[in-house]
Protein backbone atom coordinates (compact mmCIF):
# COMPACT_ATOMS: atom_id res chain seq x y z
CA MET A 1 114.86 95.34 87.25
CA MET A 2 116.80 98.19 88.87
CA PHE A 3 119.53 96.05 90.39
CA GLN A 4 120.42 92.63 91.69
CA ALA A 5 121.78 91.96 95.13
CA VAL A 6 123.47 88.78 96.34
CA LEU A 7 122.34 88.24 99.98
CA GLY A 8 123.61 85.94 102.62
CA ASN A 9 123.33 85.16 106.34
CA PRO A 10 125.89 87.22 108.20
CA GLY A 11 126.09 84.65 111.01
CA HIS A 12 126.20 81.55 108.78
CA PRO A 13 128.07 82.14 105.50
CA GLU A 14 128.09 78.38 105.01
CA TYR A 15 124.33 78.53 104.23
CA GLY A 16 125.21 80.06 100.88
CA VAL A 17 123.62 83.06 99.15
CA ALA A 18 120.50 84.15 97.24
CA THR A 19 120.47 86.45 94.24
CA ILE A 20 117.40 88.70 94.45
CA PRO A 21 116.09 91.15 91.77
CA PHE A 22 114.99 94.58 92.93
CA PRO A 23 112.39 95.84 92.91
CA ILE A 24 111.03 92.32 93.48
CA PRO A 25 108.36 91.55 90.84
CA HIS A 26 104.99 90.68 92.39
CA ASP A 27 104.95 87.28 90.71
CA GLN A 28 108.38 86.50 92.22
CA TYR A 29 107.86 87.92 95.65
CA ALA A 30 106.78 84.72 97.40
CA HIS A 31 109.60 82.74 95.79
CA CYS A 32 112.21 85.33 96.77
CA MET A 33 111.00 85.25 100.36
CA GLU A 34 111.27 81.44 100.31
CA LEU A 35 114.89 81.68 99.10
CA LEU A 36 115.74 84.09 101.91
CA GLU A 37 113.83 82.03 104.52
CA ALA A 38 115.94 78.96 103.53
CA LEU A 39 118.99 81.04 104.57
CA GLU A 40 117.24 82.05 107.80
CA ILE A 41 117.13 85.70 106.70
CA GLY A 42 114.62 88.09 105.18
CA ASP A 43 112.79 89.35 108.21
CA ALA A 44 110.10 91.96 107.48
CA VAL A 45 111.50 94.35 110.07
CA LYS A 46 115.05 93.43 111.15
CA ALA A 47 118.20 94.02 109.22
CA ASP A 48 119.48 90.48 108.76
CA CYS A 49 120.66 90.23 105.14
CA LYS A 50 124.37 90.67 104.42
CA VAL A 51 124.89 92.29 101.05
CA GLU A 52 127.63 90.30 99.35
CA LYS A 53 127.33 92.00 96.01
CA VAL A 54 125.32 94.66 94.23
CA ASP A 55 124.97 94.79 90.44
CA SER A 56 123.45 98.10 89.39
CA PHE A 57 123.70 101.16 87.20
CA TYR A 58 123.76 103.00 90.53
CA THR A 59 127.35 102.17 91.33
CA VAL A 60 127.16 104.30 94.52
CA LEU A 61 125.12 101.41 95.97
CA LYS A 62 128.21 99.24 96.01
CA ARG A 63 129.08 101.02 99.26
CA ALA A 64 126.29 98.92 100.82
CA GLU A 65 128.27 95.77 100.07
CA MET A 66 129.25 93.89 103.22
CA LEU A 67 126.60 95.75 105.23
CA THR A 68 123.65 94.03 106.86
CA VAL A 69 120.37 95.42 105.62
CA ASN A 70 116.65 94.85 105.72
CA VAL A 71 115.26 93.33 102.51
CA GLU A 72 112.05 95.51 102.54
CA GLU A 73 114.14 98.67 102.81
CA LEU A 74 116.25 97.51 99.91
CA ASN A 75 113.08 96.83 97.89
CA TYR A 76 111.59 100.23 98.66
CA LEU A 77 114.82 102.01 97.72
CA ALA A 78 114.88 100.16 94.42
CA LYS A 79 111.29 101.35 93.70
CA ARG A 80 112.24 104.88 94.38
CA LEU A 81 115.33 104.73 92.17
CA ASP A 82 113.48 103.00 89.36
CA SER A 83 111.41 106.17 88.75
CA PHE A 84 114.48 108.45 88.44
CA ASP A 85 115.54 109.99 85.16
CA THR A 86 119.17 110.55 84.22
CA GLY A 87 119.38 113.89 85.96
CA GLU A 88 117.85 112.59 89.24
CA ALA A 89 120.20 109.55 89.10
CA ALA A 90 123.17 111.93 88.97
CA GLN A 91 121.75 114.03 91.79
CA PHE A 92 121.21 110.92 93.95
CA GLN A 93 124.69 109.43 93.35
CA THR A 94 126.60 112.67 93.76
CA MET A 95 124.85 113.62 96.98
CA ALA A 96 125.18 110.10 98.42
CA HIS A 97 128.92 110.35 97.73
CA LYS A 98 129.22 113.97 99.08
CA LEU A 99 127.31 113.08 102.30
CA ASP A 100 129.10 109.72 102.62
CA LEU A 101 125.81 107.89 103.04
CA PHE A 102 125.75 104.09 103.60
CA GLU A 103 122.66 103.24 105.61
CA LEU A 104 119.50 102.40 103.64
CA LYS A 105 117.38 104.68 105.81
CA ASP A 106 119.53 107.65 104.75
CA LEU A 107 119.62 106.54 101.11
CA ILE A 108 115.81 106.29 101.10
CA ASN A 109 115.49 109.79 102.59
CA LEU A 110 117.94 111.09 100.05
CA THR A 111 115.61 110.05 97.28
CA PHE A 112 113.08 112.61 98.55
CA CYS A 113 115.40 115.61 98.51
CA CYS A 114 118.34 115.00 96.15
CA GLN A 115 116.41 116.86 93.44
CA GLN A 116 117.36 120.15 95.12
CA ALA A 117 121.09 119.69 94.20
CA THR A 118 122.70 120.90 90.96
CA VAL A 119 125.01 118.51 89.21
CA ILE A 120 127.43 119.47 86.44
CA THR A 121 128.59 116.56 84.28
CA ASP A 122 129.28 118.64 81.10
CA PHE A 123 130.82 122.06 81.24
CA SER A 124 130.52 122.67 77.48
CA ASP A 125 126.92 123.88 77.70
CA LEU A 126 126.76 126.47 80.46
CA ALA A 127 123.43 127.75 79.28
CA ALA A 128 121.86 124.36 80.04
CA VAL A 129 123.67 124.18 83.37
CA GLY A 130 122.28 127.53 84.31
CA ARG A 131 118.70 126.61 83.38
CA ASN A 132 118.95 123.36 85.30
CA HIS A 133 120.31 125.21 88.33
CA TYR A 134 117.51 127.77 88.20
CA MET A 135 114.90 124.95 87.97
CA ASN A 136 116.52 123.16 90.96
CA LEU A 137 116.32 126.32 93.06
CA HIS A 138 112.58 126.66 92.19
CA GLY A 139 111.41 123.17 93.02
CA GLY A 140 111.89 121.79 89.48
CA CYS A 141 109.38 124.12 87.77
CA ALA A 142 109.43 127.59 86.27
CA LYS A 143 107.34 129.67 83.92
CA THR A 144 108.34 129.62 80.27
CA GLU A 145 108.80 133.41 80.23
CA GLU A 146 111.13 133.11 83.22
CA LEU A 147 113.37 130.58 81.41
CA ASN A 148 113.29 132.66 78.20
CA ALA A 149 114.43 135.74 80.11
CA LEU A 150 117.11 133.82 82.03
CA ASP A 151 120.80 134.24 81.12
CA GLY A 152 121.74 130.59 81.62
CA GLU A 153 125.49 131.06 81.03
CA GLU A 154 125.73 133.90 83.50
CA THR A 155 123.78 131.90 86.07
CA ALA A 156 126.13 128.95 85.63
CA ARG A 157 129.24 131.14 85.85
CA ARG A 158 128.07 132.69 89.16
CA LEU A 159 127.38 129.22 90.56
CA ILE A 160 130.82 127.97 89.58
CA GLU A 161 132.74 131.09 90.61
CA ASN A 162 131.04 131.20 94.02
CA GLY A 163 132.57 127.86 94.86
CA GLY A 164 130.95 125.25 97.05
CA GLY A 165 131.05 122.51 94.47
CA THR A 166 132.16 119.01 95.42
CA ILE A 167 133.90 116.79 92.87
CA THR A 168 132.56 113.27 92.83
CA PRO A 169 132.92 110.33 90.40
CA TYR A 170 129.48 111.18 89.10
CA GLY A 171 129.97 114.97 88.50
CA VAL A 172 130.50 118.19 90.38
CA VAL A 173 127.63 118.69 92.82
CA TYR A 174 126.29 121.89 94.52
CA ASP A 175 123.91 120.98 97.37
CA ASN A 176 122.06 124.38 97.26
CA GLY A 177 121.46 124.10 101.01
CA MET A 178 119.76 120.71 100.78
CA LYS A 179 119.00 119.12 104.16
CA LEU A 180 118.48 115.40 104.62
CA GLU A 181 114.97 115.28 106.27
CA PRO A 182 113.63 112.15 107.99
CA VAL A 183 110.73 111.54 105.60
CA TYR A 184 111.22 107.83 106.29
CA ASP A 185 111.42 107.09 110.00
CA GLY A 186 113.04 103.63 109.69
CA ARG A 187 109.78 101.71 110.06
CA PHE A 188 106.87 103.10 108.13
CA PHE A 189 107.53 103.68 104.47
CA PRO A 190 106.13 106.94 103.02
CA CYS A 191 103.28 106.62 100.56
CA TYR A 192 104.75 106.11 97.13
CA TYR A 193 102.91 105.19 93.93
CA TYR A 194 105.45 102.99 92.16
CA GLU A 195 103.07 101.54 89.62
CA PRO A 196 99.38 101.82 88.68
CA ASN A 197 97.13 100.08 91.20
CA ALA A 198 93.42 99.70 91.79
CA ILE A 199 93.11 100.70 95.44
CA THR A 200 95.39 102.55 97.78
CA VAL A 201 94.63 101.70 101.44
CA ALA A 202 95.96 103.41 104.51
CA VAL A 203 96.15 100.84 107.35
CA THR A 204 96.65 101.92 110.97
CA SER A 205 96.22 100.14 114.26
CA LYS A 206 93.14 100.83 116.34
CA ALA A 207 95.53 101.17 119.23
CA GLU A 208 96.86 104.35 117.62
CA PRO A 209 95.07 107.67 117.41
CA GLU A 210 93.01 108.18 114.25
CA ASP A 211 95.44 110.96 113.13
CA THR A 212 98.49 108.80 113.63
CA GLU A 213 101.40 109.08 111.21
CA HIS A 214 102.22 105.44 111.70
CA ILE A 215 100.54 104.33 108.45
CA THR A 216 101.09 101.15 106.50
CA TRP A 217 100.35 101.80 102.87
CA LEU A 218 98.94 98.95 100.74
CA PHE A 219 98.66 99.26 96.98
CA LEU A 220 96.19 96.65 95.93
CA PRO A 221 96.22 94.14 94.29
CA MET A 222 99.16 92.58 96.05
CA VAL A 223 100.29 89.01 96.64
CA GLN A 224 99.20 87.82 100.11
CA GLU A 225 102.84 87.52 101.32
CA GLU A 226 103.36 91.23 100.60
CA ILE A 227 100.30 92.18 102.60
CA ASP A 228 101.21 89.98 105.54
CA ARG A 229 104.77 91.29 105.70
CA ALA A 230 103.64 94.94 105.34
CA LEU A 231 101.23 94.54 108.25
CA LEU A 232 103.91 92.78 110.31
CA ARG A 233 106.28 95.65 109.62
CA GLY A 234 103.63 98.03 110.85
CA GLY A 235 103.37 96.13 114.09
CA ILE A 236 99.93 94.69 113.25
CA THR A 237 99.49 91.07 114.16
CA ASP A 238 95.74 90.94 114.64
CA PRO A 239 93.74 91.78 111.47
CA SER A 240 90.71 92.58 113.57
CA GLU A 241 92.61 95.44 115.19
CA ILE A 242 93.25 97.41 112.02
CA ARG A 243 91.64 100.59 110.74
CA LEU A 244 91.28 100.94 106.95
CA SER A 245 90.96 104.11 104.94
CA LEU A 246 90.59 104.16 101.15
CA GLU A 247 92.82 106.97 99.86
CA ASP A 248 92.48 106.24 96.14
CA SER A 249 90.42 103.78 94.13
CA TRP A 250 89.15 103.09 90.64
CA LEU A 251 86.54 100.68 92.03
CA PRO A 252 83.01 101.79 90.94
CA HIS A 253 81.43 104.00 93.51
CA GLU A 254 78.30 101.82 93.18
CA VAL A 255 80.27 99.02 94.86
CA LEU A 256 82.18 101.11 97.39
CA ASP A 257 78.90 102.75 98.52
CA LEU A 258 77.53 99.29 99.46
CA LEU A 259 80.53 98.08 101.42
CA ASP A 260 81.06 98.78 105.11
CA MET A 261 84.75 99.71 105.22
CA ASP A 262 84.79 99.55 109.03
CA HIS A 263 84.30 95.78 108.74
CA VAL A 264 86.19 94.96 105.54
CA ASP A 265 88.71 92.17 105.68
CA ILE A 266 91.87 93.33 103.85
CA SER A 267 92.53 89.86 102.29
CA GLU A 268 88.97 89.72 100.97
CA LEU A 269 89.25 93.26 99.63
CA ASN A 270 92.52 92.24 97.86
CA ALA A 271 90.77 89.17 96.39
CA LEU A 272 88.04 91.43 95.05
CA VAL A 273 90.61 93.76 93.38
CA GLN A 274 92.43 90.76 91.91
CA ALA A 275 89.17 89.59 90.38
CA LEU A 276 88.66 93.00 88.74
CA ASP A 277 92.36 93.65 87.85
CA GLU A 278 92.05 92.53 84.22
CA PHE A 279 88.60 94.05 83.58
CA SER A 280 88.21 96.45 80.67
CA ASP A 281 86.53 99.82 81.08
CA MET A 282 83.37 98.33 79.60
CA SER A 283 83.50 95.38 82.03
CA ILE A 284 83.88 97.81 84.96
CA ARG A 285 80.76 99.69 83.74
CA LYS A 286 78.90 96.44 83.45
CA TYR A 287 80.09 95.34 86.94
CA ALA A 288 78.91 98.65 88.42
CA ALA A 289 75.42 98.17 86.90
CA ALA A 290 75.29 94.56 88.15
CA ALA A 291 76.25 95.82 91.65
CA VAL A 292 73.28 98.24 91.67
CA MET A 293 70.99 95.33 90.80
CA ALA A 294 72.52 92.63 93.06
CA ARG A 295 73.54 94.92 95.96
CA PRO A 296 76.50 93.02 97.43
CA HIS A 297 77.13 93.92 101.10
CA THR A 298 80.53 92.24 101.67
CA THR A 299 83.75 92.12 99.71
CA GLU A 300 83.31 88.41 99.26
CA GLN A 301 79.89 88.84 97.73
CA ALA A 302 81.28 91.57 95.48
CA LYS A 303 84.03 89.23 94.35
CA HIS A 304 81.62 86.38 93.52
CA LEU A 305 79.57 88.86 91.53
CA ALA A 306 82.66 89.91 89.53
CA GLU A 307 83.55 86.26 88.88
CA ASN A 308 80.05 85.66 87.43
CA LEU A 309 79.57 88.77 85.38
CA ASP A 310 78.85 86.68 82.28
CA LEU A 311 75.51 85.79 83.86
CA PHE A 312 74.35 89.36 83.07
CA ASP A 313 73.41 91.10 79.80
CA PHE A 314 74.38 94.77 79.58
CA ALA A 315 73.41 97.54 77.28
CA PRO A 316 75.69 100.51 78.12
CA SER A 317 74.12 103.91 78.39
CA ALA A 318 70.64 102.64 77.57
CA SER A 319 68.02 104.47 79.64
CA THR A 320 64.78 103.69 77.79
CA PRO A 321 63.15 100.62 76.23
CA GLU A 322 63.84 102.11 72.78
CA GLU A 323 67.52 102.59 73.50
CA TYR A 324 67.74 99.06 74.91
CA GLY A 325 66.02 97.55 71.85
CA LYS A 326 68.23 99.60 69.51
CA TYR A 327 71.36 98.40 71.24
CA MET A 328 70.30 94.80 71.12
CA ILE A 329 69.47 94.84 67.41
CA GLN A 330 72.38 97.04 66.25
CA GLN A 331 75.30 96.37 68.58
CA SER A 332 74.82 93.26 70.66
CA GLY A 333 75.96 90.96 67.83
CA ARG A 334 72.91 88.72 68.21
CA PHE A 335 71.28 89.95 64.97
CA GLU A 336 72.30 90.66 61.43
CA TYR A 337 71.50 94.35 61.42
CA ASP A 338 70.83 95.96 58.04
CA GLU A 339 70.91 99.81 58.22
CA ASN A 340 68.87 99.96 55.00
CA LEU A 341 65.97 98.47 56.95
CA ASP A 342 66.33 100.75 59.91
CA ALA A 343 62.93 102.46 59.37
CA PHE A 344 61.18 99.14 59.73
CA TYR A 345 62.63 98.26 63.17
CA ASP A 346 60.39 98.95 66.13
CA TYR A 347 63.14 99.34 68.74
CA GLU A 348 60.78 100.40 71.51
CA LYS A 349 58.48 97.46 71.10
CA TYR A 350 61.35 94.99 70.92
CA GLY A 351 63.07 96.56 73.98
CA THR A 352 59.83 96.48 75.95
CA GLU A 353 59.08 92.85 75.07
CA ARG A 354 62.61 91.81 76.18
CA MET A 355 62.28 93.70 79.45
CA ASN A 356 58.94 92.06 80.18
CA ALA A 357 60.52 88.61 79.63
CA GLU A 358 63.65 89.07 81.73
CA ASP A 359 64.90 90.21 85.16
CA GLY A 360 66.46 93.59 84.44
CA MET A 361 66.56 97.27 85.34
CA PHE A 362 67.94 100.63 84.20
CA THR A 363 70.93 102.16 86.02
CA ASP A 364 73.05 105.23 85.56
CA ARG A 365 75.53 103.00 83.68
CA GLY A 366 72.86 101.43 81.30
CA TYR A 367 70.44 98.54 81.25
CA ILE A 368 71.44 95.36 83.10
CA ALA A 369 69.60 92.04 83.05
CA TYR A 370 70.30 88.84 84.99
CA LYS A 371 70.12 85.59 82.97
CA GLY A 372 71.32 83.03 85.45
CA TYR A 373 69.48 79.87 86.61
CA ILE A 374 69.94 80.36 90.33
CA SER A 375 69.16 83.43 92.39
CA MET A 376 71.63 86.37 92.50
CA GLU A 377 71.89 85.82 96.24
CA GLU A 378 73.13 82.29 95.65
CA VAL A 379 75.64 83.56 93.05
CA MET A 380 77.04 86.13 95.49
CA ASN A 381 77.35 83.56 98.20
CA GLY A 382 79.42 81.31 95.97
CA SER A 383 76.82 78.78 95.01
CA GLN A 384 77.45 79.27 91.33
CA SER A 385 80.69 77.28 91.35
CA SER A 386 79.13 74.32 93.18
CA HIS A 387 76.24 74.24 90.66
CA MET A 388 78.76 74.09 87.83
CA GLU A 389 80.75 71.28 89.40
CA MET A 390 77.57 69.22 89.63
CA GLY A 391 76.75 69.95 85.98
CA GLY A 392 73.58 71.79 86.99
CA LEU A 393 74.27 74.99 85.05
CA SER A 394 75.17 75.73 81.52
CA ARG A 395 76.03 79.05 79.97
């Protein structure tokens, strides 16, 4: 948690307040929205939450107290600040103080450029100050030989003697010509990878040109409330009128190649990602092989396939009957393998006999075999669960 904010209804203080953690955890998002809805605030777009109190390491945020803000902007700002190290935190706070920023839009935009400023909090190590200043002037990076040749103390002295520093409660700041650019336009949040995610989706309205900058970024998996509010914020009320573009994904290409992204339902895609979210690398490889065999054509079919992956046997990397037989005997755990008897095993014969007795195939990921009692088509259409409820299938 980066900070807590006590929020109330500016028009009805008698409704009480709600204390919300920021960034809002995914598993608490729906509950937090319910708390705000009970106060008749928390709109996805409008600024309707009065900040009664902010409890944060970023004390500069206390200047937002008594202001009316949008909860999604507050959440996005918290995500941005949560990634900052100590130096960036000082840059943000000093520049917010220097520029006298209060509005969340400006504070969000400051998170994208405050790294250009130089902040001095300790004058006892001028060499370090000089190195940091040099790095700030060069976009935060420099060659090792450049830093080794740099006279840090002299660089720091020139900076201090030239003036231009502003004293703040968080240190002396030099803006180095920093300009507050409108990276965030007040409606569409810039793409920002706050935490690892499975799929990054750029959502635009079909009413907009294909090269529009009005993009709603979704980082799946998300709770449905987050998706709904993000689309609402992007002005999208009809799911059939959205254009999807996958910008980043760890879903197997075998699955993505089968799906028609022009007709993918975003909620179904999210459900698929949720089904895969806890998969290990080996399970993902097995799922990719199963997809080659089953060939799902919709996200719902792909989800049902993921939910029934235990109906498949998988021999990773096996590409011949001999490799398949060797895997089954040595690594599958179904046999008590004795390496001293290795010369007596006929792996190719065993692998061939198994393949002749089962429904399987080789893929680039390995050998995959289906062992279910109903057809794969029925499994992908969701029939598996109904069979289990009737007691008609055992595993």
